[in-house]
PDB file of N, CA and C in Angstrom:
ATOM      1  N   UNK A   1     118.555 123.672 105.885  1.00  0.00           N
ATOM      2  CA  UNK A   1     118.703 122.297 105.446  1.00  0.00           C
ATOM      3  C   UNK A   1     117.852 122.051 104.206  1.00  0.00           C
ATOM      4  N   UNK A   2     118.130 120.979 103.505  1.00  0.00           N
ATOM      5  CA  UNK A   2     117.363 120.630 102.311  1.00  0.00           C
ATOM      6  C   UNK A   2     115.909 120.336 102.665  1.00  0.00           C
ATOM      7  N   UNK A   3     115.683 119.731 103.815  1.00  0.00           N
ATOM      8  CA  UNK A   3     114.316 119.427 104.241  1.00  0.00           C
ATOM      9  C   UNK A   3     113.513 120.707 104.443  1.00  0.00           C
ATOM     10  N   UNK A   4     114.138 121.734 105.019  1.00  0.00           N
ATOM     11  CA  UNK A   4     113.481 123.038 105.189  1.00  0.00           C
ATOM     12  C   UNK A   4     113.153 123.665 103.842  1.00  0.00           C
ATOM     13  N   UNK A   5     114.083 123.620 102.910  1.00  0.00           N
ATOM     14  CA  UNK A   5     113.859 124.202 101.584  1.00  0.00           C
ATOM     15  C   UNK A   5     112.735 123.483 100.843  1.00  0.00           C
ATOM     16  N   UNK A   6     112.716 122.157 100.918  1.00  0.00           N
ATOM     17  CA  UNK A   6     111.641 121.391 100.280  1.00  0.00           C
ATOM     18  C   UNK A   6     110.295 121.735 100.895  1.00  0.00           C
ATOM     19  N   UNK A   7     110.260 121.852 102.200  1.00  0.00           N
ATOM     20  CA  UNK A   7     109.023 122.166 102.909  1.00  0.00           C
ATOM     21  C   UNK A   7     108.544 123.569 102.540  1.00  0.00           C
ATOM     22  N   UNK A   8     109.455 124.531 102.463  1.00  0.00           N
ATOM     23  CA  UNK A   8     109.090 125.899 102.109  1.00  0.00           C
ATOM     24  C   UNK A   8     108.573 125.961 100.670  1.00  0.00           C
ATOM     25  N   UNK A   9     109.183 125.202  99.771  1.00  0.00           N
ATOM     26  CA  UNK A   9     108.740 125.197  98.374  1.00  0.00           C
ATOM     27  C   UNK A   9     107.329 124.629  98.231  1.00  0.00           C
ATOM     28  N   UNK A  10     106.986 123.667  99.076  1.00  0.00           N
ATOM     29  CA  UNK A  10     105.647 123.077  99.028  1.00  0.00           C
ATOM     30  C   UNK A  10     104.605 123.962  99.709  1.00  0.00           C
ATOM     31  N   UNK A  11     105.048 124.880 100.560  1.00  0.00           N
ATOM     32  CA  UNK A  11     104.156 125.899 101.097  1.00  0.00           C
ATOM     33  C   UNK A  11     103.504 125.589 102.429  1.00  0.00           C
ATOM     34  N   UNK A  12     102.647 126.523 102.812  1.00  0.00           N
ATOM     35  CA  UNK A  12     101.961 126.490 104.105  1.00  0.00           C
ATOM     36  C   UNK A  12     101.216 125.165 104.293  1.00  0.00           C
ATOM     37  N   UNK A  13     101.383 124.594 105.465  1.00  0.00           N
ATOM     38  CA  UNK A  13     100.696 123.353 105.793  1.00  0.00           C
ATOM     39  C   UNK A  13     101.445 122.095 105.408  1.00  0.00           C
ATOM     40  N   UNK A  14     102.554 122.237 104.712  1.00  0.00           N
ATOM     41  CA  UNK A  14     103.332 121.076 104.291  1.00  0.00           C
ATOM     42  C   UNK A  14     103.999 120.423 105.503  1.00  0.00           C
ATOM     43  N   UNK A  15     103.971 119.106 105.535  1.00  0.00           N
ATOM     44  CA  UNK A  15     104.654 118.352 106.581  1.00  0.00           C
ATOM     45  C   UNK A  15     105.517 117.296 105.898  1.00  0.00           C
ATOM     46  N   UNK A  16     106.801 117.299 106.201  1.00  0.00           N
ATOM     47  CA  UNK A  16     107.727 116.298 105.666  1.00  0.00           C
ATOM     48  C   UNK A  16     108.363 115.556 106.830  1.00  0.00           C
ATOM     49  N   UNK A  17     108.678 114.298 106.619  1.00  0.00           N
ATOM     50  CA  UNK A  17     109.370 113.551 107.663  1.00  0.00           C
ATOM     51  C   UNK A  17     110.427 112.655 107.031  1.00  0.00           C
ATOM     52  N   UNK A  18     111.415 112.323 107.826  1.00  0.00           N
ATOM     53  CA  UNK A  18     112.513 111.477 107.361  1.00  0.00           C
ATOM     54  C   UNK A  18     112.949 110.607 108.531  1.00  0.00           C
ATOM     55  N   UNK A  19     113.246 109.360 108.239  1.00  0.00           N
ATOM     56  CA  UNK A  19     113.726 108.435 109.260  1.00  0.00           C
ATOM     57  C   UNK A  19     115.220 108.216 109.034  1.00  0.00           C
ATOM     58  N   UNK A  20     115.988 108.269 110.117  1.00  0.00           N
ATOM     59  CA  UNK A  20     117.424 108.024 110.014  1.00  0.00           C
ATOM     60  C   UNK A  20     117.895 107.294 111.260  1.00  0.00           C
ATOM     61  N   UNK A  21     119.065 106.695 111.154  1.00  0.00           N
ATOM     62  CA  UNK A  21     119.629 105.986 112.299  1.00  0.00           C
ATOM     63  C   UNK A  21     120.892 106.684 112.764  1.00  0.00           C
ATOM     64  N   UNK A  22     121.122 106.561 114.050  1.00  0.00           N
ATOM     65  CA  UNK A  22     122.334 107.097 114.669  1.00  0.00           C
ATOM     66  C   UNK A  22     122.774 106.070 115.704  1.00  0.00           C
ATOM     67  N   UNK A  23     123.849 105.383 115.411  1.00  0.00           N
ATOM     68  CA  UNK A  23     124.268 104.295 116.290  1.00  0.00           C
ATOM     69  C   UNK A  23     123.258 103.163 116.226  1.00  0.00           C
ATOM     70  N   UNK A  24     122.781 102.733 117.391  1.00  0.00           N
ATOM     71  CA  UNK A  24     121.798 101.645 117.442  1.00  0.00           C
ATOM     72  C   UNK A  24     120.366 102.160 117.486  1.00  0.00           C
ATOM     73  N   UNK A  25     120.174 103.460 117.460  1.00  0.00           N
ATOM     74  CA  UNK A  25     118.834 104.044 117.578  1.00  0.00           C
ATOM     75  C   UNK A  25     118.337 104.569 116.238  1.00  0.00           C
ATOM     76  N   UNK A  26     117.020 104.525 116.049  1.00  0.00           N
ATOM     77  CA  UNK A  26     116.376 105.087 114.865  1.00  0.00           C
ATOM     78  C   UNK A  26     115.542 106.285 115.290  1.00  0.00           C
ATOM     79  N   UNK A  27     115.569 107.317 114.470  1.00  0.00           N
ATOM     80  CA  UNK A  27     114.842 108.541 114.773  1.00  0.00           C
ATOM     81  C   UNK A  27     113.991 108.949 113.583  1.00  0.00           C
ATOM     82  N   UNK A  28     112.916 109.662 113.872  1.00  0.00           N
ATOM     83  CA  UNK A  28     112.107 110.286 112.828  1.00  0.00           C
ATOM     84  C   UNK A  28     112.173 111.782 113.069  1.00  0.00           C
ATOM     85  N   UNK A  29     112.522 112.520 112.033  1.00  0.00           N
ATOM     86  CA  UNK A  29     112.498 113.975 112.120  1.00  0.00           C
ATOM     87  C   UNK A  29     111.317 114.454 111.287  1.00  0.00           C
ATOM     88  N   UNK A  30     110.557 115.383 111.837  1.00  0.00           N
ATOM     89  CA  UNK A  30     109.341 115.875 111.187  1.00  0.00           C
ATOM     90  C   UNK A  30     109.420 117.390 111.166  1.00  0.00           C
ATOM     91  N   UNK A  31     109.102 117.977 110.028  1.00  0.00           N
ATOM     92  CA  UNK A  31     109.135 119.428 109.898  1.00  0.00           C
ATOM     93  C   UNK A  31     107.831 119.883 109.257  1.00  0.00           C
ATOM     94  N   UNK A  32     107.246 120.923 109.840  1.00  0.00           N
ATOM     95  CA  UNK A  32     105.983 121.471 109.336  1.00  0.00           C
ATOM     96  C   UNK A  32     106.181 122.938 108.998  1.00  0.00           C
ATOM     97  N   UNK A  33     105.693 123.349 107.839  1.00  0.00           N
ATOM     98  CA  UNK A  33     105.791 124.738 107.390  1.00  0.00           C
ATOM     99  C   UNK A  33     104.540 125.486 107.849  1.00  0.00           C
ATOM    100  N   UNK A  34     104.753 126.529 108.638  1.00  0.00           N
ATOM    101  CA  UNK A  34     103.656 127.331 109.175  1.00  0.00           C
ATOM    102  C   UNK A  34     103.834 128.761 108.692  1.00  0.00           C
ATOM    103  N   UNK A  35     102.774 129.355 108.189  1.00  0.00           N
ATOM    104  CA  UNK A  35     102.808 130.751 107.751  1.00  0.00           C
ATOM    105  C   UNK A  35     101.832 131.541 108.610  1.00  0.00           C
ATOM    106  N   UNK A  36     102.311 132.617 109.196  1.00  0.00           N
ATOM    107  CA  UNK A  36     101.458 133.454 110.032  1.00  0.00           C
ATOM    108  C   UNK A  36     100.905 134.612 109.217  1.00  0.00           C
ATOM    109  N   UNK A  37     100.198 135.521 109.861  1.00  0.00           N
ATOM    110  CA  UNK A  37      99.544 136.634 109.174  1.00  0.00           C
ATOM    111  C   UNK A  37     100.517 137.535 108.421  1.00  0.00           C
ATOM    112  N   UNK A  38     101.754 137.628 108.890  1.00  0.00           N
ATOM    113  CA  UNK A  38     102.731 138.511 108.245  1.00  0.00           C
ATOM    114  C   UNK A  38     103.436 137.845 107.058  1.00  0.00           C
ATOM    115  N   UNK A  39     102.955 136.681 106.639  1.00  0.00           N
ATOM    116  CA  UNK A  39     103.494 135.927 105.502  1.00  0.00           C
ATOM    117  C   UNK A  39     104.934 135.458 105.690  1.00  0.00           C
ATOM    118  N   UNK A  40     105.425 135.496 106.915  1.00  0.00           N
ATOM    119  CA  UNK A  40     106.724 134.891 107.196  1.00  0.00           C
ATOM    120  C   UNK A  40     106.524 133.388 107.376  1.00  0.00           C
ATOM    121  N   UNK A  41     107.530 132.615 106.999  1.00  0.00           N
ATOM    122  CA  UNK A  41     107.465 131.172 107.170  1.00  0.00           C
ATOM    123  C   UNK A  41     108.180 130.780 108.452  1.00  0.00           C
ATOM    124  N   UNK A  42     107.570 129.897 109.184  1.00  0.00           N
ATOM    125  CA  UNK A  42     108.166 129.325 110.383  1.00  0.00           C
ATOM    126  C   UNK A  42     108.152 127.819 110.218  1.00  0.00           C
ATOM    127  N   UNK A  43     109.167 127.168 110.749  1.00  0.00           N
ATOM    128  CA  UNK A  43     109.271 125.723 110.635  1.00  0.00           C
ATOM    129  C   UNK A  43     109.241 125.109 112.022  1.00  0.00           C
ATOM    130  N   UNK A  44     108.312 124.202 112.209  1.00  0.00           N
ATOM    131  CA  UNK A  44     108.148 123.498 113.473  1.00  0.00           C
ATOM    132  C   UNK A  44     108.826 122.141 113.329  1.00  0.00           C
ATOM    133  N   UNK A  45     109.894 121.933 114.100  1.00  0.00           N
ATOM    134  CA  UNK A  45     110.680 120.711 114.032  1.00  0.00           C
ATOM    135  C   UNK A  45     110.311 119.787 115.186  1.00  0.00           C
ATOM    136  N   UNK A  46     110.224 118.494 114.900  1.00  0.00           N
ATOM    137  CA  UNK A  46     110.049 117.487 115.941  1.00  0.00           C
ATOM    138  C   UNK A  46     111.010 116.340 115.652  1.00  0.00           C
ATOM    139  N   UNK A  47     111.578 115.787 116.710  1.00  0.00           N
ATOM    140  CA  UNK A  47     112.416 114.610 116.552  1.00  0.00           C
ATOM    141  C   UNK A  47     111.898 113.544 117.509  1.00  0.00           C
ATOM    142  N   UNK A  48     111.610 112.368 116.966  1.00  0.00           N
ATOM    143  CA  UNK A  48     111.059 111.270 117.753  1.00  0.00           C
ATOM    144  C   UNK A  48     111.985 110.068 117.697  1.00  0.00           C
ATOM    145  N   UNK A  49     112.165 109.432 118.842  1.00  0.00           N
ATOM    146  CA  UNK A  49     112.893 108.168 118.906  1.00  0.00           C
ATOM    147  C   UNK A  49     111.936 107.066 118.473  1.00  0.00           C
ATOM    148  N   UNK A  50     112.327 106.273 117.486  1.00  0.00           N
ATOM    149  CA  UNK A  50     111.486 105.174 117.013  1.00  0.00           C
ATOM    150  C   UNK A  50     111.862 103.891 117.734  1.00  0.00           C
ATOM    151  N   UNK A  51     110.866 103.217 118.257  1.00  0.00           N
ATOM    152  CA  UNK A  51     111.092 101.929 118.909  1.00  0.00           C
ATOM    153  C   UNK A  51     110.835 100.857 117.860  1.00  0.00           C
ATOM    154  N   UNK A  52     111.868 100.136 117.492  1.00  0.00           N
ATOM    155  CA  UNK A  52     111.752  99.160 116.403  1.00  0.00           C
ATOM    156  C   UNK A  52     111.887  97.722 116.882  1.00  0.00           C
ATOM    157  N   UNK A  53     111.939  97.519 118.192  1.00  0.00           N
ATOM    158  CA  UNK A  53     112.001  96.160 118.729  1.00  0.00           C
ATOM    159  C   UNK A  53     110.743  95.918 119.557  1.00  0.00           C
ATOM    160  N   UNK A  54     110.276  94.684 119.620  1.00  0.00           N
ATOM    161  CA  UNK A  54     109.090  94.404 120.433  1.00  0.00           C
ATOM    162  C   UNK A  54     109.359  94.703 121.904  1.00  0.00           C
ATOM    163  N   UNK A  55     108.351  95.185 122.581  1.00  0.00           N
ATOM    164  CA  UNK A  55     108.487  95.439 124.009  1.00  0.00           C
ATOM    165  C   UNK A  55     108.589  94.108 124.744  1.00  0.00           C
ATOM    166  N   UNK A  56     109.326  94.091 125.830  1.00  0.00           N
ATOM    167  CA  UNK A  56     109.558  92.833 126.538  1.00  0.00           C
ATOM    168  C   UNK A  56     108.272  92.251 127.117  1.00  0.00           C
ATOM    169  N   UNK A  57     107.256  93.067 127.353  1.00  0.00           N
ATOM    170  CA  UNK A  57     106.002  92.569 127.917  1.00  0.00           C
ATOM    171  C   UNK A  57     105.106  91.930 126.859  1.00  0.00           C
ATOM    172  N   UNK A  58     105.444  92.047 125.597  1.00  0.00           N
ATOM    173  CA  UNK A  58     104.646  91.482 124.507  1.00  0.00           C
ATOM    174  C   UNK A  58     105.206  90.124 124.105  1.00  0.00           C
ATOM    175  N   UNK A  59     104.312  89.189 123.873  1.00  0.00           N
ATOM    176  CA  UNK A  59     104.739  87.868 123.418  1.00  0.00           C
ATOM    177  C   UNK A  59     104.545  87.791 121.913  1.00  0.00           C
ATOM    178  N   UNK A  60     105.534  87.290 121.232  1.00  0.00           N
ATOM    179  CA  UNK A  60     105.467  87.143 119.780  1.00  0.00           C
ATOM    180  C   UNK A  60     104.985  85.731 119.462  1.00  0.00           C
ATOM    181  N   UNK A  61     104.040  85.631 118.549  1.00  0.00           N
ATOM    182  CA  UNK A  61     103.560  84.332 118.095  1.00  0.00           C
ATOM    183  C   UNK A  61     103.882  84.225 116.611  1.00  0.00           C
ATOM    184  N   UNK A  62     104.628  83.222 116.256  1.00  0.00           N
ATOM    185  CA  UNK A  62     104.996  83.023 114.865  1.00  0.00           C
ATOM    186  C   UNK A  62     103.987  82.082 114.219  1.00  0.00           C
ATOM    187  N   UNK A  63     103.480  82.469 113.073  1.00  0.00           N
ATOM    188  CA  UNK A  63     102.474  81.695 112.355  1.00  0.00           C
ATOM    189  C   UNK A  63     103.086  81.219 111.044  1.00  0.00           C
ATOM    190  N   UNK A  64     102.930  79.951 110.766  1.00  0.00           N
ATOM    191  CA  UNK A  64     103.423  79.407 109.500  1.00  0.00           C
ATOM    192  C   UNK A  64     102.430  79.747 108.404  1.00  0.00           C
ATOM    193  N   UNK A  65     102.927  79.984 107.220  1.00  0.00           N
ATOM    194  CA  UNK A  65     102.058  80.392 106.114  1.00  0.00           C
ATOM    195  C   UNK A  65     101.021  79.324 105.773  1.00  0.00           C
ATOM    196  N   UNK A  66     101.314  78.065 106.014  1.00  0.00           N
ATOM    197  CA  UNK A  66     100.345  77.005 105.706  1.00  0.00           C
ATOM    198  C   UNK A  66      99.162  77.025 106.677  1.00  0.00           C
ATOM    199  N   UNK A  67      99.309  77.668 107.845  1.00  0.00           N
ATOM    200  CA  UNK A  67      98.233  77.752 108.829  1.00  0.00           C
ATOM    201  C   UNK A  67      97.268  78.898 108.557  1.00  0.00           C
ATOM    202  N   UNK A  68      97.587  79.750 107.588  1.00  0.00           N
ATOM    203  CA  UNK A  68      96.732  80.893 107.265  1.00  0.00           C
ATOM    204  C   UNK A  68      95.786  80.480 106.142  1.00  0.00           C
ATOM    205  N   UNK A  69      94.474  80.628 106.353  1.00  0.00           N
ATOM    206  CA  UNK A  69      93.533  80.242 105.291  1.00  0.00           C
ATOM    207  C   UNK A  69      93.676  81.148 104.071  1.00  0.00           C
ATOM    208  N   UNK A  70      93.441  80.572 102.911  1.00  0.00           N
ATOM    209  CA  UNK A  70      93.522  81.313 101.654  1.00  0.00           C
ATOM    210  C   UNK A  70      92.154  81.911 101.351  1.00  0.00           C
ATOM    211  N   UNK A  71      92.075  83.234 101.242  1.00  0.00           N
ATOM    212  CA  UNK A  71      90.806  83.911 101.029  1.00  0.00           C
ATOM    213  C   UNK A  71      90.516  84.186  99.566  1.00  0.00           C
ATOM    214  N   UNK A  72      91.351  83.737  98.659  1.00  0.00           N
ATOM    215  CA  UNK A  72      91.122  83.980  97.225  1.00  0.00           C
ATOM    216  C   UNK A  72      90.027  83.110  96.682  1.00  0.00           C
TER     217      UNK A  72
END
Protein backbone atom coordinates (compact mmCIF):
# COMPACT_ATOMS: atom_id res chain seq x y z
CA UNK A 1 0.00 0.00 0.00
CA UNK A 2 1.03 3.64 -0.34
CA UNK A 3 1.09 3.99 3.44
CA UNK A 4 3.63 1.13 3.67
CA UNK A 5 5.82 2.69 0.97
CA UNK A 6 5.75 6.10 2.67
CA UNK A 7 6.61 4.51 6.01
CA UNK A 8 9.49 2.51 4.49
CA UNK A 9 10.88 5.63 2.78
CA UNK A 10 10.91 7.48 6.10
CA UNK A 11 12.78 4.58 7.70
CA UNK A 12 13.11 2.74 10.97
CA UNK A 13 10.93 4.07 13.76
CA UNK A 14 8.52 5.90 11.48
CA UNK A 15 4.87 5.81 12.52
CA UNK A 16 2.11 6.97 10.17
CA UNK A 17 -1.61 7.01 10.81
CA UNK A 18 -4.71 7.75 8.77
CA UNK A 19 -8.34 8.17 9.75
CA UNK A 20 -11.09 6.91 7.46
CA UNK A 21 -14.77 6.12 7.64
CA UNK A 22 -16.62 3.00 6.63
CA UNK A 23 -20.38 3.25 6.84
CA UNK A 24 -21.29 4.95 10.12
CA UNK A 25 -18.00 4.06 11.83
CA UNK A 26 -14.66 5.88 11.87
CA UNK A 27 -11.37 4.03 12.07
CA UNK A 28 -7.73 4.94 12.58
CA UNK A 29 -5.11 2.82 10.87
CA UNK A 30 -1.57 3.04 12.25
CA UNK A 31 1.55 1.58 10.71
CA UNK A 32 5.02 1.45 12.26
CA UNK A 33 8.24 0.62 10.40
CA UNK A 34 10.45 -1.76 12.39
CA UNK A 35 13.91 -2.86 11.30
CA UNK A 36 15.53 -5.87 12.93
CA UNK A 37 19.19 -6.91 13.06
CA UNK A 38 19.06 -8.43 9.56
CA UNK A 39 18.07 -5.03 8.08
CA UNK A 40 14.75 -6.38 6.85
CA UNK A 41 11.78 -4.05 7.26
CA UNK A 42 8.68 -5.19 9.09
CA UNK A 43 5.46 -3.23 9.35
CA UNK A 44 3.32 -3.34 12.45
CA UNK A 45 -0.30 -2.54 11.58
CA UNK A 46 -3.00 -1.48 14.03
CA UNK A 47 -6.60 -0.61 13.34
CA UNK A 48 -8.65 1.21 15.98
CA UNK A 49 -12.34 2.01 16.07
CA UNK A 50 -12.74 5.72 16.85
CA UNK A 51 -15.59 6.74 19.12
CA UNK A 52 -16.75 10.14 17.90
CA UNK A 53 -19.98 10.51 19.87
CA UNK A 54 -20.27 11.35 23.56
CA UNK A 55 -20.81 8.38 25.83
CA UNK A 56 -24.34 8.13 27.17
CA UNK A 57 -23.09 8.35 30.77
CA UNK A 58 -21.53 11.79 30.13
CA UNK A 59 -23.58 14.95 30.39
CA UNK A 60 -22.88 17.72 27.91
CA UNK A 61 -22.95 21.30 29.15
CA UNK A 62 -23.24 23.99 26.53
CA UNK A 63 -21.58 27.30 27.36
CA UNK A 64 -22.42 30.53 25.59
CA UNK A 65 -19.45 32.55 24.41
CA UNK A 66 -20.60 35.60 26.40
CA UNK A 67 -20.27 33.55 29.63
CA UNK A 68 -16.55 32.91 29.04
CA UNK A 69 -14.28 35.59 30.53
CA UNK A 70 -11.91 37.34 28.14
CA UNK A 71 -8.29 36.77 29.17
CA UNK A 72 -6.73 39.22 26.70
